[in-house]
Amino acid sequence: MYNEGMFDASSGMMTGLIVFLVALAVFFIVLFYKWGYSCGMNSKSIVLPLIVTFLLGGIL
């Protein structure tokens, strides 16, 4: 019973962490899209792969 309770708590924290990372990634994507449109297309094409790599690294 004790182990099940710990597992529920850790999985809940893990879910919260993933949701937080996704929200953070979406926020940065929106921010960089605004920067990309104001500064030009080059900065966006450099930044988006970095965001995708960060997001995948955070989930894995």
PDB file of N, CA and C in Angstrom:
ATOM      1  N   MET A   1       0.838  -1.208   0.000  1.00  0.00           N
ATOM      2  CA  MET A   1       0.000   0.000   0.000  1.00  0.00           C
ATOM      3  C   MET A   1       0.867   1.250   0.000  1.00  0.00           C
ATOM      4  N   TYR A   2       1.938   1.209   0.785  1.00  0.00           N
ATOM      5  CA  TYR A   2       2.807   2.385   0.864  1.00  0.00           C
ATOM      6  C   TYR A   2       3.461   2.664  -0.486  1.00  0.00           C
ATOM      7  N   ASN A   3       3.930   1.598  -1.158  1.00  0.00           N
ATOM      8  CA  ASN A   3       4.572   1.771  -2.458  1.00  0.00           C
ATOM      9  C   ASN A   3       3.598   2.327  -3.491  1.00  0.00           C
ATOM     10  N   GLU A   4       2.348   1.871  -3.453  1.00  0.00           N
ATOM     11  CA  GLU A   4       1.360   2.379  -4.401  1.00  0.00           C
ATOM     12  C   GLU A   4       1.134   3.874  -4.197  1.00  0.00           C
ATOM     13  N   GLY A   5       1.085   4.299  -2.932  1.00  0.00           N
ATOM     14  CA  GLY A   5       0.907   5.719  -2.648  1.00  0.00           C
ATOM     15  C   GLY A   5       2.077   6.538  -3.170  1.00  0.00           C
ATOM     16  N   MET A   6       3.286   6.031  -2.980  1.00  0.00           N
ATOM     17  CA  MET A   6       4.466   6.735  -3.476  1.00  0.00           C
ATOM     18  C   MET A   6       4.444   6.809  -4.996  1.00  0.00           C
ATOM     19  N   PHE A   7       4.032   5.714  -5.646  1.00  0.00           N
ATOM     20  CA  PHE A   7       3.984   5.696  -7.106  1.00  0.00           C
ATOM     21  C   PHE A   7       2.980   6.725  -7.618  1.00  0.00           C
ATOM     22  N   ASP A   8       1.825   6.819  -6.957  1.00  0.00           N
ATOM     23  CA  ASP A   8       0.821   7.799  -7.369  1.00  0.00           C
ATOM     24  C   ASP A   8       1.364   9.216  -7.234  1.00  0.00           C
ATOM     25  N   ALA A   9       2.063   9.481  -6.138  1.00  0.00           N
ATOM     26  CA  ALA A   9       2.607  10.817  -5.918  1.00  0.00           C
ATOM     27  C   ALA A   9       3.662  11.142  -6.969  1.00  0.00           C
ATOM     28  N   SER A  10       4.557  10.189  -7.251  1.00  0.00           N
ATOM     29  CA  SER A  10       5.629  10.457  -8.206  1.00  0.00           C
ATOM     30  C   SER A  10       5.069  10.605  -9.618  1.00  0.00           C
ATOM     31  N   SER A  11       4.066   9.790  -9.975  1.00  0.00           N
ATOM     32  CA  SER A  11       3.488   9.897 -11.311  1.00  0.00           C
ATOM     33  C   SER A  11       2.730  11.220 -11.443  1.00  0.00           C
ATOM     34  N   GLY A  12       2.104  11.663 -10.367  1.00  0.00           N
ATOM     35  CA  GLY A  12       1.424  12.958 -10.395  1.00  0.00           C
ATOM     36  C   GLY A  12       2.408  14.092 -10.584  1.00  0.00           C
ATOM     37  N   MET A  13       3.543  14.011  -9.885  1.00  0.00           N
ATOM     38  CA  MET A  13       4.581  15.030 -10.055  1.00  0.00           C
ATOM     39  C   MET A  13       5.139  14.986 -11.469  1.00  0.00           C
ATOM     40  N   MET A  14       5.317  13.782 -12.012  1.00  0.00           N
ATOM     41  CA  MET A  14       5.850  13.632 -13.363  1.00  0.00           C
ATOM     42  C   MET A  14       4.890  14.240 -14.378  1.00  0.00           C
ATOM     43  N   THR A  15       3.593  13.970 -14.208  1.00  0.00           N
ATOM     44  CA  THR A  15       2.594  14.540 -15.110  1.00  0.00           C
ATOM     45  C   THR A  15       2.608  16.062 -15.027  1.00  0.00           C
ATOM     46  N   GLY A  16       2.696  16.588 -13.812  1.00  0.00           N
ATOM     47  CA  GLY A  16       2.751  18.035 -13.633  1.00  0.00           C
ATOM     48  C   GLY A  16       3.980  18.632 -14.287  1.00  0.00           C
ATOM     49  N   LEU A  17       5.112  17.924 -14.179  1.00  0.00           N
ATOM     50  CA  LEU A  17       6.353  18.406 -14.781  1.00  0.00           C
ATOM     51  C   LEU A  17       6.237  18.432 -16.297  1.00  0.00           C
ATOM     52  N   ILE A  18       5.651  17.378 -16.886  1.00  0.00           N
ATOM     53  CA  ILE A  18       5.488  17.324 -18.342  1.00  0.00           C
ATOM     54  C   ILE A  18       4.560  18.436 -18.810  1.00  0.00           C
ATOM     55  N   VAL A  19       3.453  18.639 -18.089  1.00  0.00           N
ATOM     56  CA  VAL A  19       2.516  19.712 -18.454  1.00  0.00           C
ATOM     57  C   VAL A  19       3.211  21.064 -18.376  1.00  0.00           C
ATOM     58  N   PHE A  20       4.028  21.262 -17.327  1.00  0.00           N
ATOM     59  CA  PHE A  20       4.766  22.511 -17.166  1.00  0.00           C
ATOM     60  C   PHE A  20       5.728  22.717 -18.326  1.00  0.00           C
ATOM     61  N   LEU A  21       6.460  21.667 -18.712  1.00  0.00           N
ATOM     62  CA  LEU A  21       7.416  21.775 -19.817  1.00  0.00           C
ATOM     63  C   LEU A  21       6.703  22.089 -21.125  1.00  0.00           C
ATOM     64  N   VAL A  22       5.559  21.446 -21.357  1.00  0.00           N
ATOM     65  CA  VAL A  22       4.807  21.697 -22.589  1.00  0.00           C
ATOM     66  C   VAL A  22       4.319  23.141 -22.620  1.00  0.00           C
ATOM     67  N   ALA A  23       3.788  23.625 -21.487  1.00  0.00           N
ATOM     68  CA  ALA A  23       3.308  25.004 -21.423  1.00  0.00           C
ATOM     69  C   ALA A  23       4.457  25.980 -21.654  1.00  0.00           C
ATOM     70  N   LEU A  24       5.614  25.682 -21.059  1.00  0.00           N
ATOM     71  CA  LEU A  24       6.788  26.533 -21.231  1.00  0.00           C
ATOM     72  C   LEU A  24       7.233  26.546 -22.690  1.00  0.00           C
ATOM     73  N   ALA A  25       7.236  25.367 -23.321  1.00  0.00           N
ATOM     74  CA  ALA A  25       7.638  25.268 -24.727  1.00  0.00           C
ATOM     75  C   ALA A  25       6.682  26.055 -25.622  1.00  0.00           C
ATOM     76  N   VAL A  26       5.373  25.936 -25.364  1.00  0.00           N
ATOM     77  CA  VAL A  26       4.386  26.678 -26.159  1.00  0.00           C
ATOM     78  C   VAL A  26       4.596  28.178 -25.993  1.00  0.00           C
ATOM     79  N   PHE A  27       4.852  28.609 -24.751  1.00  0.00           N
ATOM     80  CA  PHE A  27       5.107  30.022 -24.489  1.00  0.00           C
ATOM     81  C   PHE A  27       6.308  30.516 -25.289  1.00  0.00           C
ATOM     82  N   PHE A  28       7.403  29.732 -25.275  1.00  0.00           N
ATOM     83  CA  PHE A  28       8.604  30.139 -26.002  1.00  0.00           C
ATOM     84  C   PHE A  28       8.380  30.117 -27.508  1.00  0.00           C
ATOM     85  N   ILE A  29       7.601  29.141 -28.004  1.00  0.00           N
ATOM     86  CA  ILE A  29       7.310  29.083 -29.440  1.00  0.00           C
ATOM     87  C   ILE A  29       6.555  30.335 -29.867  1.00  0.00           C
ATOM     88  N   VAL A  30       5.546  30.729 -29.082  1.00  0.00           N
ATOM     89  CA  VAL A  30       4.786  31.947 -29.404  1.00  0.00           C
ATOM     90  C   VAL A  30       5.705  33.161 -29.377  1.00  0.00           C
ATOM     91  N   LEU A  31       6.555  33.228 -28.336  1.00  0.00           N
ATOM     92  CA  LEU A  31       7.473  34.353 -28.194  1.00  0.00           C
ATOM     93  C   LEU A  31       8.419  34.437 -29.386  1.00  0.00           C
ATOM     94  N   PHE A  32       9.000  33.284 -29.774  1.00  0.00           N
ATOM     95  CA  PHE A  32       9.963  33.285 -30.871  1.00  0.00           C
ATOM     96  C   PHE A  32       9.285  33.501 -32.215  1.00  0.00           C
ATOM     97  N   TYR A  33       8.023  33.073 -32.359  1.00  0.00           N
ATOM     98  CA  TYR A  33       7.302  33.379 -33.595  1.00  0.00           C
ATOM     99  C   TYR A  33       7.121  34.886 -33.740  1.00  0.00           C
ATOM    100  N   LYS A  34       6.789  35.575 -32.638  1.00  0.00           N
ATOM    101  CA  LYS A  34       6.661  37.029 -32.693  1.00  0.00           C
ATOM    102  C   LYS A  34       8.004  37.661 -33.058  1.00  0.00           C
ATOM    103  N   TRP A  35       9.106  37.177 -32.411  1.00  0.00           N
ATOM    104  CA  TRP A  35      10.437  37.682 -32.738  1.00  0.00           C
ATOM    105  C   TRP A  35      10.788  37.383 -34.188  1.00  0.00           C
ATOM    106  N   GLY A  36      10.409  36.175 -34.665  1.00  0.00           N
ATOM    107  CA  GLY A  36      10.728  35.763 -36.031  1.00  0.00           C
ATOM    108  C   GLY A  36      10.058  36.675 -37.048  1.00  0.00           C
ATOM    109  N   TYR A  37       8.797  37.037 -36.799  1.00  0.00           N
ATOM    110  CA  TYR A  37       8.104  37.900 -37.746  1.00  0.00           C
ATOM    111  C   TYR A  37       8.657  39.320 -37.724  1.00  0.00           C
ATOM    112  N   SER A  38       9.141  39.776 -36.578  1.00  0.00           N
ATOM    113  CA  SER A  38       9.657  41.137 -36.510  1.00  0.00           C
ATOM    114  C   SER A  38      11.109  41.222 -36.979  1.00  0.00           C
ATOM    115  N   CYS A  39      11.905  40.144 -36.777  1.00  0.00           N
ATOM    116  CA  CYS A  39      13.327  40.181 -37.125  1.00  0.00           C
ATOM    117  C   CYS A  39      13.613  39.551 -38.476  1.00  0.00           C
ATOM    118  N   GLY A  40      12.719  38.700 -38.982  1.00  0.00           N
ATOM    119  CA  GLY A  40      12.969  38.025 -40.250  1.00  0.00           C
ATOM    120  C   GLY A  40      12.860  36.519 -40.096  1.00  0.00           C
ATOM    121  N   MET A  41      12.880  35.807 -41.218  1.00  0.00           N
ATOM    122  CA  MET A  41      12.639  34.368 -41.205  1.00  0.00           C
ATOM    123  C   MET A  41      13.845  33.574 -40.722  1.00  0.00           C
ATOM    124  N   ASN A  42      15.065  34.113 -40.845  1.00  0.00           N
ATOM    125  CA  ASN A  42      16.270  33.349 -40.520  1.00  0.00           C
ATOM    126  C   ASN A  42      16.306  32.951 -39.050  1.00  0.00           C
ATOM    127  N   SER A  43      15.987  33.892 -38.154  1.00  0.00           N
ATOM    128  CA  SER A  43      16.062  33.597 -36.720  1.00  0.00           C
ATOM    129  C   SER A  43      15.068  32.497 -36.351  1.00  0.00           C
ATOM    130  N   LYS A  44      13.889  32.496 -36.995  1.00  0.00           N
ATOM    131  CA  LYS A  44      12.878  31.490 -36.670  1.00  0.00           C
ATOM    132  C   LYS A  44      13.350  30.102 -37.091  1.00  0.00           C
ATOM    133  N   SER A  45      13.962  29.992 -38.279  1.00  0.00           N
ATOM    134  CA  SER A  45      14.386  28.682 -38.768  1.00  0.00           C
ATOM    135  C   SER A  45      15.515  28.123 -37.910  1.00  0.00           C
ATOM    136  N   ILE A  46      16.270  28.989 -37.230  1.00  0.00           N
ATOM    137  CA  ILE A  46      17.324  28.527 -36.325  1.00  0.00           C
ATOM    138  C   ILE A  46      16.729  28.133 -34.975  1.00  0.00           C
ATOM    139  N   VAL A  47      15.765  28.898 -34.501  1.00  0.00           N
ATOM    140  CA  VAL A  47      15.270  28.741 -33.131  1.00  0.00           C
ATOM    141  C   VAL A  47      14.330  27.543 -32.981  1.00  0.00           C
ATOM    142  N   LEU A  48      13.466  27.287 -33.964  1.00  0.00           N
ATOM    143  CA  LEU A  48      12.463  26.231 -33.810  1.00  0.00           C
ATOM    144  C   LEU A  48      13.063  24.844 -33.592  1.00  0.00           C
ATOM    145  N   PRO A  49      14.111  24.428 -34.330  1.00  0.00           N
ATOM    146  CA  PRO A  49      14.718  23.119 -34.016  1.00  0.00           C
ATOM    147  C   PRO A  49      15.272  23.055 -32.603  1.00  0.00           C
ATOM    148  N   LEU A  50      15.795  24.179 -32.097  1.00  0.00           N
ATOM    149  CA  LEU A  50      16.292  24.202 -30.719  1.00  0.00           C
ATOM    150  C   LEU A  50      15.158  23.950 -29.738  1.00  0.00           C
ATOM    151  N   ILE A  51      13.991  24.550 -29.985  1.00  0.00           N
ATOM    152  CA  ILE A  51      12.842  24.358 -29.102  1.00  0.00           C
ATOM    153  C   ILE A  51      12.385  22.904 -29.141  1.00  0.00           C
ATOM    154  N   VAL A  52      12.325  22.327 -30.356  1.00  0.00           N
ATOM    155  CA  VAL A  52      11.888  20.932 -30.490  1.00  0.00           C
ATOM    156  C   VAL A  52      12.850  20.003 -29.753  1.00  0.00           C
ATOM    157  N   THR A  53      14.160  20.258 -29.908  1.00  0.00           N
ATOM    158  CA  THR A  53      15.165  19.441 -29.220  1.00  0.00           C
ATOM    159  C   THR A  53      15.010  19.557 -27.708  1.00  0.00           C
ATOM    160  N   PHE A  54      14.799  20.779 -27.212  1.00  0.00           N
ATOM    161  CA  PHE A  54      14.620  20.996 -25.773  1.00  0.00           C
ATOM    162  C   PHE A  54      13.377  20.275 -25.259  1.00  0.00           C
ATOM    163  N   LEU A  55      12.294  20.343 -26.042  1.00  0.00           N
ATOM    164  CA  LEU A  55      11.042  19.716 -25.624  1.00  0.00           C
ATOM    165  C   LEU A  55      11.190  18.202 -25.566  1.00  0.00           C
ATOM    166  N   LEU A  56      11.795  17.604 -26.607  1.00  0.00           N
ATOM    167  CA  LEU A  56      11.995  16.156 -26.619  1.00  0.00           C
ATOM    168  C   LEU A  56      12.920  15.733 -25.487  1.00  0.00           C
ATOM    169  N   GLY A  57      13.967  16.506 -25.237  1.00  0.00           N
ATOM    170  CA  GLY A  57      14.880  16.197 -24.144  1.00  0.00           C
ATOM    171  C   GLY A  57      14.179  16.264 -22.793  1.00  0.00           C
ATOM    172  N   GLY A  58      13.283  17.233 -22.631  1.00  0.00           N
ATOM    173  CA  GLY A  58      12.552  17.364 -21.376  1.00  0.00           C
ATOM    174  C   GLY A  58      11.603  16.194 -21.145  1.00  0.00           C
ATOM    175  N   ILE A  59      10.940  15.726 -22.206  1.00  0.00           N
ATOM    176  CA  ILE A  59       9.996  14.614 -22.060  1.00  0.00           C
ATOM    177  C   ILE A  59      10.744  13.309 -21.820  1.00  0.00           C
ATOM    178  N   LEU A  60      11.835  13.086 -22.579  1.00  0.00           N
ATOM    179  CA  LEU A  60      12.604  11.844 -22.422  1.00  0.00           C
ATOM    180  C   LEU A  60      13.407  11.894 -21.144  1.00  0.00           C
TER     181      LEU A  60
END
